[in-house]
Amino acid sequence: MVAIPKEVLDIIKPESVKTLVTVDAAGQPHAVVCGSIMACPVDASKVIVGEILMKRAAANLAATKKAAMVITAGMTSYELVL
C-alpha cells in the first residue's frame, strides 16, 4: 500500500468532515460521516476508524473489502480509496 500523503494527514483533525463510503455485495453504496478517524501510528498507509453505530458499514467492509473516504477541511478535500 502507498503511504497517505502528508497534506492529507494534516487535515485529519476533529474539525474536518470525514465521510466513509462502503458498498454492499449488490453494489449499493452506503455513506456515513465519521467523527473518530486518525492516522495509524505504526503504518502510514492506514487510517483507524472508530466503529460506533456503523453496523452496515462494518458489514459492507467484511463482505466486499471496498471503501473510500473523503476528508474535507474548508476548501481542501481529498479522497482515499481504501
N, C-alpha and C. Protein backbone atom coordinates (compact mmCIF):
# COMPACT_ATOMS: atom_id res chain seq x y z
N MET A 1 0.83 -1.18 0.00
CA MET A 1 0.00 0.00 0.00
C MET A 1 0.88 1.25 0.00
N VAL A 2 0.29 2.34 -0.43
CA VAL A 2 1.00 3.61 -0.52
C VAL A 2 0.78 4.40 0.76
N ALA A 3 1.81 5.08 1.23
CA ALA A 3 1.68 5.93 2.41
C ALA A 3 0.72 7.08 2.11
N ILE A 4 -0.07 7.44 3.10
CA ILE A 4 -1.00 8.56 2.95
C ILE A 4 -0.17 9.85 2.92
N PRO A 5 -0.37 10.69 1.90
CA PRO A 5 0.42 11.92 1.78
C PRO A 5 0.26 12.84 3.00
N LYS A 6 1.33 13.57 3.32
CA LYS A 6 1.33 14.46 4.48
C LYS A 6 0.21 15.49 4.41
N GLU A 7 -0.07 16.03 3.22
CA GLU A 7 -1.12 17.05 3.13
C GLU A 7 -2.50 16.48 3.48
N VAL A 8 -2.70 15.20 3.27
CA VAL A 8 -3.96 14.55 3.68
C VAL A 8 -3.95 14.35 5.19
N LEU A 9 -2.85 13.84 5.72
CA LEU A 9 -2.75 13.64 7.17
C LEU A 9 -2.94 14.95 7.93
N ASP A 10 -2.47 16.05 7.34
CA ASP A 10 -2.57 17.35 8.00
C ASP A 10 -4.01 17.82 8.19
N ILE A 11 -4.95 17.35 7.37
CA ILE A 11 -6.33 17.81 7.53
C ILE A 11 -7.20 16.79 8.27
N ILE A 12 -6.64 15.65 8.69
CA ILE A 12 -7.41 14.70 9.51
C ILE A 12 -7.39 15.23 10.94
N LYS A 13 -8.31 16.12 11.22
CA LYS A 13 -8.42 16.77 12.53
C LYS A 13 -9.87 16.67 12.99
N PRO A 14 -10.13 16.86 14.28
CA PRO A 14 -11.52 16.75 14.77
C PRO A 14 -12.50 17.66 14.04
N GLU A 15 -12.06 18.85 13.61
CA GLU A 15 -12.99 19.79 12.97
C GLU A 15 -13.20 19.51 11.48
N SER A 16 -12.44 18.63 10.88
CA SER A 16 -12.65 18.31 9.46
C SER A 16 -13.82 17.35 9.31
N VAL A 17 -14.43 17.36 8.13
CA VAL A 17 -15.54 16.45 7.83
C VAL A 17 -14.96 15.21 7.16
N LYS A 18 -15.28 14.05 7.74
CA LYS A 18 -14.74 12.79 7.23
C LYS A 18 -15.90 11.86 6.90
N THR A 19 -16.00 11.46 5.65
CA THR A 19 -17.09 10.60 5.19
C THR A 19 -16.51 9.27 4.73
N LEU A 20 -17.07 8.19 5.25
CA LEU A 20 -16.67 6.84 4.86
C LEU A 20 -17.75 6.28 3.95
N VAL A 21 -17.36 5.81 2.78
CA VAL A 21 -18.30 5.23 1.82
C VAL A 21 -17.92 3.77 1.61
N THR A 22 -18.89 2.89 1.84
CA THR A 22 -18.69 1.46 1.59
C THR A 22 -19.71 1.02 0.55
N VAL A 23 -19.58 -0.21 0.10
CA VAL A 23 -20.51 -0.76 -0.88
C VAL A 23 -20.86 -2.18 -0.47
N ASP A 24 -22.13 -2.54 -0.62
CA ASP A 24 -22.53 -3.90 -0.26
C ASP A 24 -22.30 -4.85 -1.42
N ALA A 25 -22.61 -6.12 -1.23
CA ALA A 25 -22.36 -7.15 -2.24
C ALA A 25 -23.13 -6.90 -3.53
N ALA A 26 -24.25 -6.18 -3.45
CA ALA A 26 -25.06 -5.88 -4.64
C ALA A 26 -24.60 -4.60 -5.33
N GLY A 27 -23.58 -3.93 -4.77
CA GLY A 27 -23.07 -2.71 -5.39
C GLY A 27 -23.72 -1.44 -4.88
N GLN A 28 -24.58 -1.54 -3.87
CA GLN A 28 -25.27 -0.37 -3.32
C GLN A 28 -24.33 0.40 -2.38
N PRO A 29 -24.05 1.68 -2.66
CA PRO A 29 -23.16 2.44 -1.78
C PRO A 29 -23.85 2.84 -0.48
N HIS A 30 -23.05 3.05 0.55
CA HIS A 30 -23.53 3.49 1.86
C HIS A 30 -22.51 4.48 2.40
N ALA A 31 -22.93 5.71 2.69
CA ALA A 31 -22.02 6.75 3.17
C ALA A 31 -22.41 7.18 4.58
N VAL A 32 -21.40 7.35 5.43
CA VAL A 32 -21.62 7.82 6.80
C VAL A 32 -20.54 8.84 7.14
N VAL A 33 -20.92 9.85 7.91
CA VAL A 33 -19.95 10.81 8.43
C VAL A 33 -19.32 10.20 9.67
N CYS A 34 -18.00 10.23 9.74
CA CYS A 34 -17.27 9.62 10.86
C CYS A 34 -16.59 10.71 11.69
N GLY A 35 -16.70 10.59 12.99
CA GLY A 35 -16.03 11.54 13.86
C GLY A 35 -14.69 11.05 14.34
N SER A 36 -14.57 9.75 14.56
CA SER A 36 -13.35 9.18 15.14
C SER A 36 -12.48 8.55 14.06
N ILE A 37 -11.61 9.35 13.47
CA ILE A 37 -10.67 8.87 12.46
C ILE A 37 -9.31 9.46 12.76
N MET A 38 -8.28 8.63 12.66
CA MET A 38 -6.92 9.12 12.85
C MET A 38 -5.96 8.32 11.99
N ALA A 39 -4.80 8.87 11.75
CA ALA A 39 -3.76 8.15 11.02
C ALA A 39 -3.22 7.04 11.92
N CYS A 40 -2.92 5.90 11.34
CA CYS A 40 -2.36 4.77 12.09
C CYS A 40 -0.91 5.11 12.46
N PRO A 41 -0.56 5.07 13.74
CA PRO A 41 0.80 5.46 14.14
C PRO A 41 1.90 4.47 13.73
N VAL A 42 1.53 3.24 13.38
CA VAL A 42 2.55 2.24 13.01
C VAL A 42 2.57 1.90 11.54
N ASP A 43 1.58 2.36 10.76
CA ASP A 43 1.53 2.07 9.33
C ASP A 43 0.97 3.28 8.59
N ALA A 44 1.83 4.00 7.90
CA ALA A 44 1.44 5.24 7.23
C ALA A 44 0.50 5.05 6.06
N SER A 45 0.17 3.80 5.71
CA SER A 45 -0.76 3.55 4.61
C SER A 45 -2.17 3.27 5.12
N LYS A 46 -2.38 3.36 6.43
CA LYS A 46 -3.68 3.01 7.01
C LYS A 46 -4.23 4.14 7.87
N VAL A 47 -5.57 4.13 7.99
CA VAL A 47 -6.24 5.01 8.93
C VAL A 47 -7.02 4.14 9.91
N ILE A 48 -7.28 4.69 11.08
CA ILE A 48 -8.06 4.00 12.10
C ILE A 48 -9.41 4.69 12.19
N VAL A 49 -10.47 3.91 12.12
CA VAL A 49 -11.83 4.44 12.19
C VAL A 49 -12.52 3.83 13.40
N GLY A 50 -13.08 4.67 14.27
CA GLY A 50 -13.84 4.18 15.41
C GLY A 50 -15.16 3.60 14.92
N GLU A 51 -15.43 2.35 15.26
CA GLU A 51 -16.63 1.66 14.78
C GLU A 51 -17.75 1.78 15.81
N ILE A 52 -18.43 2.93 15.80
CA ILE A 52 -19.54 3.18 16.70
C ILE A 52 -20.77 3.45 15.85
N LEU A 53 -21.81 2.66 16.03
CA LEU A 53 -23.05 2.79 15.25
C LEU A 53 -22.78 2.68 13.75
N MET A 54 -21.89 1.79 13.36
CA MET A 54 -21.55 1.61 11.95
C MET A 54 -21.79 0.16 11.53
N LYS A 55 -22.94 -0.39 11.91
CA LYS A 55 -23.21 -1.80 11.63
C LYS A 55 -23.24 -2.10 10.13
N ARG A 56 -23.92 -1.26 9.36
CA ARG A 56 -23.99 -1.52 7.92
C ARG A 56 -22.63 -1.33 7.25
N ALA A 57 -21.90 -0.28 7.62
CA ALA A 57 -20.57 -0.05 7.05
C ALA A 57 -19.64 -1.21 7.40
N ALA A 58 -19.68 -1.67 8.64
CA ALA A 58 -18.83 -2.79 9.05
C ALA A 58 -19.19 -4.06 8.29
N ALA A 59 -20.48 -4.31 8.09
CA ALA A 59 -20.91 -5.49 7.33
C ALA A 59 -20.46 -5.38 5.88
N ASN A 60 -20.58 -4.19 5.30
CA ASN A 60 -20.13 -4.00 3.91
C ASN A 60 -18.63 -4.22 3.78
N LEU A 61 -17.85 -3.69 4.72
CA LEU A 61 -16.39 -3.89 4.68
C LEU A 61 -16.03 -5.36 4.80
N ALA A 62 -16.73 -6.08 5.67
CA ALA A 62 -16.46 -7.51 5.83
C ALA A 62 -16.80 -8.27 4.55
N ALA A 63 -17.86 -7.86 3.87
CA ALA A 63 -18.32 -8.58 2.68
C ALA A 63 -17.54 -8.25 1.42
N THR A 64 -17.19 -6.98 1.24
CA THR A 64 -16.60 -6.57 -0.05
C THR A 64 -15.16 -6.06 0.03
N LYS A 65 -14.74 -5.64 1.22
CA LYS A 65 -13.40 -5.07 1.41
C LYS A 65 -13.18 -3.80 0.58
N LYS A 66 -14.27 -3.12 0.20
CA LYS A 66 -14.17 -1.91 -0.62
C LYS A 66 -14.68 -0.71 0.17
N ALA A 67 -13.89 0.37 0.13
CA ALA A 67 -14.29 1.60 0.82
C ALA A 67 -13.51 2.77 0.26
N ALA A 68 -14.08 3.94 0.45
CA ALA A 68 -13.39 5.19 0.15
C ALA A 68 -13.71 6.16 1.27
N MET A 69 -12.83 7.12 1.47
CA MET A 69 -13.03 8.12 2.49
C MET A 69 -12.78 9.49 1.87
N VAL A 70 -13.67 10.42 2.16
CA VAL A 70 -13.50 11.81 1.72
C VAL A 70 -13.26 12.63 2.98
N ILE A 71 -12.17 13.40 2.96
CA ILE A 71 -11.80 14.25 4.10
C ILE A 71 -11.79 15.69 3.60
N THR A 72 -12.56 16.54 4.29
CA THR A 72 -12.71 17.93 3.85
C THR A 72 -12.45 18.88 5.01
N ALA A 73 -11.63 19.88 4.75
CA ALA A 73 -11.37 20.95 5.72
C ALA A 73 -11.40 22.26 4.95
N GLY A 74 -12.43 23.05 5.18
CA GLY A 74 -12.57 24.30 4.43
C GLY A 74 -12.73 24.02 2.95
N MET A 75 -11.88 24.62 2.12
CA MET A 75 -11.94 24.43 0.67
C MET A 75 -11.02 23.32 0.19
N THR A 76 -10.41 22.58 1.11
CA THR A 76 -9.49 21.50 0.76
C THR A 76 -10.17 20.16 0.99
N SER A 77 -10.08 19.29 0.00
CA SER A 77 -10.74 17.99 0.10
C SER A 77 -9.89 16.92 -0.58
N TYR A 78 -9.83 15.74 0.04
CA TYR A 78 -9.09 14.61 -0.52
C TYR A 78 -9.93 13.36 -0.43
N GLU A 79 -9.70 12.45 -1.37
CA GLU A 79 -10.35 11.14 -1.34
C GLU A 79 -9.26 10.09 -1.14
N LEU A 80 -9.53 9.15 -0.24
CA LEU A 80 -8.66 8.00 -0.05
C LEU A 80 -9.44 6.76 -0.47
N VAL A 81 -8.90 5.98 -1.36
CA VAL A 81 -9.52 4.71 -1.72
C VAL A 81 -8.85 3.66 -0.86
N LEU A 82 -9.64 3.03 -0.01
CA LEU A 82 -9.09 2.10 0.98
C LEU A 82 -9.15 0.66 0.51
